[in-house]
């Protein structure tokens, strides 16, 4: 592990520290709002240790907090994390060859670690960047979730501090880079329209799943474009 940190240059370490600081802020918000939504303090802490996927965690707790079923929360989280499948193919070489390294490395596979790894041209630097980013964010996120959960128990209503806006704000921040692509943006708009239109009539959580129709429409459009001469 010491060789990993020695491989990284100061600029990359600074960038990793900045991203870890941002993850800590989001983690504290996640812990506080999860407790305020009625979950016991240990549940978001355990979820963060075992799942370690901020977007999916925000999505799952958001669905449950709005009255959705745990099954809907799990499905929504799995759909959101489906993007990790191609990520794994892209960075499989940086995880290491041992079984333990590959298991731990797979657990640290998130957007940030993949982005840092594929940005490096040198394989040794890519491996070092992946592990440095992954371990830093894992520590920052989980410590912040514990702190947020404990603070959340003390403050009671997070809406009084504006923390109730953290869920939609965090999810919007995660999706903004992808919305630069027109097809992705159109799929997101269609899915949002479907969710908004069905929310008054369906149980909580189901409109989020119906929003996947936007993804289906986008895939259909892409296939039609490929078949056209």
Foldseek 3Di string as FASTA:
>chain_A
DVVLVVPDDPVLVVVLVVVLVVLLVLLLLLLLVLVLLPDASVVSLVCCLQQVASLLSLQLSVLVSQPHDNVLSVVLSCVVCVVCVVLCVQCVVLQDDDPVSSVVLSSLDYPQLSVQLVVDPDSSNSSSSNVSSSVSNSVSNSVSSSVSNVVSVVVNDCVVVPSVCSSVVVNCVVCVVVCVDPLSVQLQVQLVVQLVVCVVPDGRSVSNVSSCVSVVVSVVVVVVVVPDD
